[in-house]
């Protein structure tokens, strides 16, 4: 996106569903971008260049899910005991940590 004092120019790259009119999608996106940018910024959008890079085929295998992350929810001074400091293992935990959750 190029922004001047009163004007803006936008470059977009799209992936379009197969069997959908690329011209119709591009025109709808162009009108939506112009309206949103002008409405949010007050700038005059002098051009919206759209490049269709790919087509999406619904029969293709879906992308793999994002990797799962484990979060312990435990903070400093929590109930996990240190293996490096034996004295920490002997001290009672001040706060109990919840079981790790997977998101």
N, C-alpha and C. Protein backbone atom coordinates (compact mmCIF):
# COMPACT_ATOMS: atom_id res chain seq x y z
N UNK A 1 0.85 -1.16 0.00
CA UNK A 1 0.00 0.00 0.00
C UNK A 1 0.90 1.22 0.00
N UNK A 2 0.63 2.13 -0.88
CA UNK A 2 1.34 3.39 -0.95
C UNK A 2 0.39 4.47 -0.46
N UNK A 3 0.87 5.31 0.45
CA UNK A 3 0.01 6.34 1.02
C UNK A 3 0.68 7.69 0.83
N UNK A 4 -0.08 8.62 0.28
CA UNK A 4 0.37 10.00 0.17
C UNK A 4 -0.37 10.84 1.20
N UNK A 5 -0.35 12.15 1.00
CA UNK A 5 -1.06 13.02 1.93
C UNK A 5 -2.57 12.91 1.78
N UNK A 6 -3.04 12.72 0.54
CA UNK A 6 -4.48 12.66 0.31
C UNK A 6 -4.93 11.45 -0.50
N UNK A 7 -3.97 10.67 -1.00
CA UNK A 7 -4.31 9.54 -1.87
C UNK A 7 -3.61 8.27 -1.41
N UNK A 8 -4.18 7.16 -1.85
CA UNK A 8 -3.58 5.85 -1.54
C UNK A 8 -3.68 4.95 -2.76
N UNK A 9 -2.74 4.03 -2.87
CA UNK A 9 -2.77 3.00 -3.91
C UNK A 9 -2.56 1.67 -3.21
N UNK A 10 -3.32 0.66 -3.60
CA UNK A 10 -3.28 -0.64 -2.91
C UNK A 10 -2.95 -1.73 -3.91
N UNK A 11 -2.04 -2.63 -3.52
CA UNK A 11 -1.71 -3.81 -4.31
C UNK A 11 -2.12 -5.03 -3.50
N UNK A 12 -2.89 -5.93 -4.11
CA UNK A 12 -3.36 -7.14 -3.42
C UNK A 12 -3.02 -8.38 -4.23
N UNK A 13 -2.82 -9.49 -3.51
CA UNK A 13 -2.63 -10.79 -4.14
C UNK A 13 -3.71 -11.71 -3.57
N UNK A 14 -4.42 -12.40 -4.45
CA UNK A 14 -5.55 -13.23 -4.03
C UNK A 14 -5.40 -14.67 -4.49
N UNK A 15 -6.06 -15.55 -3.75
CA UNK A 15 -6.31 -16.92 -4.19
C UNK A 15 -7.83 -17.02 -4.31
N UNK A 16 -8.29 -17.47 -5.47
CA UNK A 16 -9.73 -17.49 -5.77
C UNK A 16 -10.20 -18.94 -5.88
N UNK A 17 -11.41 -19.19 -5.38
CA UNK A 17 -12.00 -20.51 -5.52
C UNK A 17 -12.15 -20.87 -7.00
N UNK A 18 -11.91 -22.14 -7.32
CA UNK A 18 -12.09 -22.63 -8.68
C UNK A 18 -13.58 -22.54 -9.04
N UNK A 19 -13.87 -22.29 -10.28
CA UNK A 19 -15.22 -22.16 -10.83
C UNK A 19 -15.95 -20.91 -10.34
N UNK A 20 -15.22 -19.92 -9.84
CA UNK A 20 -15.80 -18.64 -9.46
C UNK A 20 -15.24 -17.62 -10.44
N UNK A 21 -16.07 -16.69 -10.86
CA UNK A 21 -15.65 -15.68 -11.81
C UNK A 21 -14.57 -14.79 -11.18
N UNK A 22 -13.37 -14.87 -11.73
CA UNK A 22 -12.26 -14.08 -11.22
C UNK A 22 -12.56 -12.59 -11.40
N UNK A 23 -13.14 -12.22 -12.51
CA UNK A 23 -13.46 -10.80 -12.76
C UNK A 23 -14.46 -10.27 -11.73
N UNK A 24 -15.48 -11.07 -11.42
CA UNK A 24 -16.47 -10.63 -10.41
C UNK A 24 -15.86 -10.51 -9.02
N UNK A 25 -15.04 -11.49 -8.64
CA UNK A 25 -14.39 -11.44 -7.33
C UNK A 25 -13.47 -10.23 -7.25
N UNK A 26 -12.67 -10.02 -8.29
CA UNK A 26 -11.74 -8.89 -8.30
C UNK A 26 -12.48 -7.56 -8.20
N UNK A 27 -13.57 -7.42 -8.93
CA UNK A 27 -14.33 -6.16 -8.87
C UNK A 27 -14.97 -5.96 -7.50
N UNK A 28 -15.50 -7.02 -6.90
CA UNK A 28 -16.10 -6.91 -5.57
C UNK A 28 -15.04 -6.54 -4.53
N UNK A 29 -13.88 -7.18 -4.61
CA UNK A 29 -12.79 -6.87 -3.68
C UNK A 29 -12.34 -5.42 -3.87
N UNK A 30 -12.19 -5.01 -5.12
CA UNK A 30 -11.76 -3.64 -5.43
C UNK A 30 -12.72 -2.62 -4.82
N UNK A 31 -14.01 -2.80 -5.01
CA UNK A 31 -15.00 -1.86 -4.48
C UNK A 31 -15.00 -1.85 -2.95
N UNK A 32 -14.85 -3.03 -2.35
CA UNK A 32 -14.82 -3.14 -0.88
C UNK A 32 -13.59 -2.45 -0.30
N UNK A 33 -12.44 -2.66 -0.92
CA UNK A 33 -11.20 -2.03 -0.44
C UNK A 33 -11.30 -0.51 -0.56
N UNK A 34 -11.79 -0.03 -1.68
CA UNK A 34 -11.94 1.42 -1.87
C UNK A 34 -12.84 2.00 -0.79
N UNK A 35 -13.99 1.37 -0.58
CA UNK A 35 -14.94 1.89 0.42
C UNK A 35 -14.35 1.86 1.82
N UNK A 36 -13.68 0.76 2.19
CA UNK A 36 -13.13 0.62 3.55
C UNK A 36 -11.98 1.59 3.80
N UNK A 37 -11.05 1.68 2.85
CA UNK A 37 -9.91 2.58 3.05
C UNK A 37 -10.37 4.03 3.11
N UNK A 38 -11.27 4.42 2.21
CA UNK A 38 -11.78 5.79 2.24
C UNK A 38 -12.56 6.06 3.52
N UNK A 39 -13.34 5.08 3.97
CA UNK A 39 -14.12 5.26 5.19
C UNK A 39 -13.27 5.35 6.44
N UNK A 40 -12.20 4.55 6.51
CA UNK A 40 -11.36 4.52 7.71
C UNK A 40 -10.34 5.66 7.75
N UNK A 41 -9.84 6.07 6.57
CA UNK A 41 -8.75 7.04 6.57
C UNK A 41 -9.11 8.39 5.96
N UNK A 42 -10.16 8.41 5.15
CA UNK A 42 -10.51 9.65 4.45
C UNK A 42 -9.66 9.88 3.22
N UNK A 43 -8.73 8.96 2.92
CA UNK A 43 -7.89 9.09 1.73
C UNK A 43 -8.66 8.69 0.48
N UNK A 44 -8.32 9.30 -0.63
CA UNK A 44 -8.89 8.93 -1.92
C UNK A 44 -8.05 7.78 -2.46
N UNK A 45 -8.68 6.66 -2.76
CA UNK A 45 -7.97 5.51 -3.30
C UNK A 45 -7.92 5.69 -4.81
N UNK A 46 -6.71 5.94 -5.33
CA UNK A 46 -6.59 6.21 -6.76
C UNK A 46 -6.47 4.94 -7.58
N UNK A 47 -5.99 3.82 -6.97
CA UNK A 47 -5.95 2.55 -7.70
C UNK A 47 -5.87 1.38 -6.73
N UNK A 48 -6.46 0.26 -7.17
CA UNK A 48 -6.36 -1.01 -6.45
C UNK A 48 -5.94 -2.04 -7.49
N UNK A 49 -4.69 -2.47 -7.41
CA UNK A 49 -4.19 -3.48 -8.33
C UNK A 49 -4.33 -4.85 -7.68
N UNK A 50 -4.97 -5.77 -8.42
CA UNK A 50 -5.23 -7.11 -7.88
C UNK A 50 -4.57 -8.14 -8.78
N UNK A 51 -3.76 -9.00 -8.17
CA UNK A 51 -3.15 -10.12 -8.87
C UNK A 51 -3.70 -11.41 -8.29
N UNK A 52 -4.22 -12.27 -9.15
CA UNK A 52 -4.70 -13.58 -8.70
C UNK A 52 -3.55 -14.55 -8.87
N UNK A 53 -3.01 -15.00 -7.74
CA UNK A 53 -1.84 -15.87 -7.74
C UNK A 53 -2.17 -17.35 -7.87
N UNK A 54 -3.36 -17.74 -7.42
CA UNK A 54 -3.66 -19.16 -7.37
C UNK A 54 -5.16 -19.37 -7.37
N UNK A 55 -5.55 -20.61 -7.65
CA UNK A 55 -6.94 -21.01 -7.52
C UNK A 55 -7.02 -22.10 -6.47
N UNK A 56 -8.10 -22.07 -5.68
CA UNK A 56 -8.32 -23.04 -4.62
C UNK A 56 -9.29 -24.10 -5.10
N UNK A 57 -8.89 -25.37 -5.04
CA UNK A 57 -9.73 -26.49 -5.44
C UNK A 57 -10.25 -27.17 -4.19
N UNK A 58 -11.54 -27.23 -4.01
CA UNK A 58 -12.13 -27.81 -2.80
C UNK A 58 -11.87 -29.31 -2.68
N UNK A 59 -11.65 -30.00 -3.79
CA UNK A 59 -11.38 -31.44 -3.73
C UNK A 59 -10.00 -31.74 -3.17
N UNK A 60 -9.13 -30.78 -3.18
CA UNK A 60 -7.78 -30.99 -2.68
C UNK A 60 -7.83 -31.25 -1.17
N UNK A 61 -6.82 -31.93 -0.69
CA UNK A 61 -6.77 -32.23 0.75
C UNK A 61 -6.66 -30.93 1.53
N UNK A 62 -7.36 -30.84 2.66
CA UNK A 62 -7.28 -29.62 3.47
C UNK A 62 -5.88 -29.47 4.05
N UNK A 63 -5.48 -28.25 4.35
CA UNK A 63 -4.16 -28.05 4.94
C UNK A 63 -4.10 -28.69 6.32
N UNK A 64 -2.91 -29.10 6.75
CA UNK A 64 -2.80 -29.73 8.07
C UNK A 64 -3.14 -28.72 9.16
N UNK A 65 -3.65 -29.19 10.29
CA UNK A 65 -3.97 -28.28 11.39
C UNK A 65 -2.69 -27.68 11.96
N UNK A 66 -2.80 -26.53 12.60
CA UNK A 66 -1.60 -25.93 13.19
C UNK A 66 -1.07 -26.82 14.31
N UNK A 67 0.24 -26.75 14.58
CA UNK A 67 0.79 -27.60 15.64
C UNK A 67 0.19 -27.24 16.99
N UNK A 68 0.03 -28.24 17.83
CA UNK A 68 -0.54 -28.01 19.17
C UNK A 68 0.55 -27.51 20.09
N UNK A 69 0.17 -26.62 20.98
CA UNK A 69 1.11 -26.07 21.94
C UNK A 69 0.67 -26.45 23.34
N UNK A 70 1.63 -26.80 24.17
CA UNK A 70 1.33 -27.13 25.56
C UNK A 70 1.66 -25.90 26.41
N UNK A 71 0.69 -25.50 27.23
CA UNK A 71 0.88 -24.36 28.12
C UNK A 71 0.66 -24.85 29.54
N UNK A 72 1.61 -24.54 30.42
CA UNK A 72 1.50 -25.05 31.78
C UNK A 72 0.64 -24.17 32.65
N UNK A 73 0.62 -22.86 32.42
CA UNK A 73 -0.12 -21.96 33.28
C UNK A 73 0.58 -21.74 34.61
N UNK A 74 1.78 -22.24 34.76
CA UNK A 74 2.52 -22.12 36.02
C UNK A 74 3.44 -20.91 35.96
N UNK A 75 3.47 -20.13 37.03
CA UNK A 75 4.32 -18.94 37.08
C UNK A 75 5.41 -19.11 38.12
N UNK A 76 6.27 -18.14 38.23
CA UNK A 76 7.35 -18.19 39.22
C UNK A 76 6.81 -18.45 40.60
N UNK A 77 7.50 -19.26 41.33
CA UNK A 77 7.06 -19.58 42.68
C UNK A 77 5.97 -20.63 42.70
N UNK A 78 5.71 -21.24 41.55
CA UNK A 78 4.65 -22.23 41.45
C UNK A 78 5.07 -23.57 42.00
N UNK A 79 4.29 -24.59 41.72
CA UNK A 79 4.50 -25.89 42.33
C UNK A 79 5.47 -26.81 41.63
N UNK A 80 6.02 -26.46 40.48
CA UNK A 80 6.98 -27.34 39.83
C UNK A 80 8.28 -27.32 40.62
N UNK A 81 8.83 -28.46 40.84
CA UNK A 81 10.06 -28.55 41.62
C UNK A 81 11.26 -28.64 40.69
N UNK A 82 12.34 -27.99 41.07
CA UNK A 82 13.55 -27.96 40.26
C UNK A 82 14.35 -29.24 40.46
N UNK A 83 14.84 -29.79 39.36
CA UNK A 83 15.70 -30.97 39.45
C UNK A 83 17.14 -30.54 39.73
N UNK A 84 17.47 -29.30 39.44
CA UNK A 84 18.83 -28.82 39.65
C UNK A 84 19.08 -28.40 41.10
N UNK A 85 18.06 -27.99 41.80
CA UNK A 85 18.23 -27.51 43.17
C UNK A 85 17.49 -28.44 44.13
N UNK A 86 18.19 -29.35 44.78
CA UNK A 86 17.51 -30.29 45.68
C UNK A 86 16.79 -29.58 46.82
N UNK A 87 17.30 -28.44 47.27
CA UNK A 87 16.63 -27.75 48.38
C UNK A 87 15.26 -27.22 47.95
N UNK A 88 15.10 -26.91 46.67
CA UNK A 88 13.80 -26.44 46.19
C UNK A 88 12.79 -27.59 46.20
N UNK A 89 13.28 -28.81 45.99
CA UNK A 89 12.37 -29.96 45.97
C UNK A 89 11.83 -30.25 47.36
N UNK A 90 12.63 -29.93 48.39
CA UNK A 90 12.20 -30.21 49.75
C UNK A 90 11.21 -29.17 50.26
N UNK A 91 11.25 -27.96 49.71
CA UNK A 91 10.35 -26.90 50.18
C UNK A 91 8.95 -27.13 49.64
N UNK A 92 7.92 -26.88 50.45
CA UNK A 92 6.56 -27.03 49.94
C UNK A 92 6.26 -25.96 48.90
N UNK A 93 5.44 -26.29 47.97
CA UNK A 93 5.07 -25.34 46.92
C UNK A 93 4.11 -24.30 47.48
N UNK A 94 4.36 -23.04 47.14
CA UNK A 94 3.50 -21.97 47.62
C UNK A 94 2.20 -21.92 46.84
N UNK A 95 2.26 -22.29 45.59
CA UNK A 95 1.09 -22.23 44.72
C UNK A 95 1.04 -23.52 43.92
N UNK A 96 -0.11 -24.08 43.80
CA UNK A 96 -0.27 -25.28 42.98
C UNK A 96 -0.50 -24.84 41.54
N UNK A 97 0.22 -25.48 40.62
CA UNK A 97 0.05 -25.18 39.20
C UNK A 97 -1.02 -26.09 38.63
N UNK A 98 -1.84 -25.55 37.76
CA UNK A 98 -2.84 -26.41 37.12
C UNK A 98 -2.15 -27.38 36.16
N UNK A 99 -2.82 -28.42 35.81
CA UNK A 99 -2.28 -29.37 34.85
C UNK A 99 -2.08 -28.65 33.52
N UNK A 100 -1.03 -29.04 32.77
CA UNK A 100 -0.82 -28.41 31.48
C UNK A 100 -2.03 -28.61 30.58
N UNK A 101 -2.33 -27.59 29.79
CA UNK A 101 -3.45 -27.70 28.87
C UNK A 101 -2.92 -27.62 27.45
N UNK A 102 -3.57 -28.28 26.56
CA UNK A 102 -3.16 -28.30 25.15
C UNK A 102 -4.14 -27.44 24.39
N UNK A 103 -3.59 -26.49 23.61
CA UNK A 103 -4.47 -25.63 22.81
C UNK A 103 -4.18 -25.80 21.35
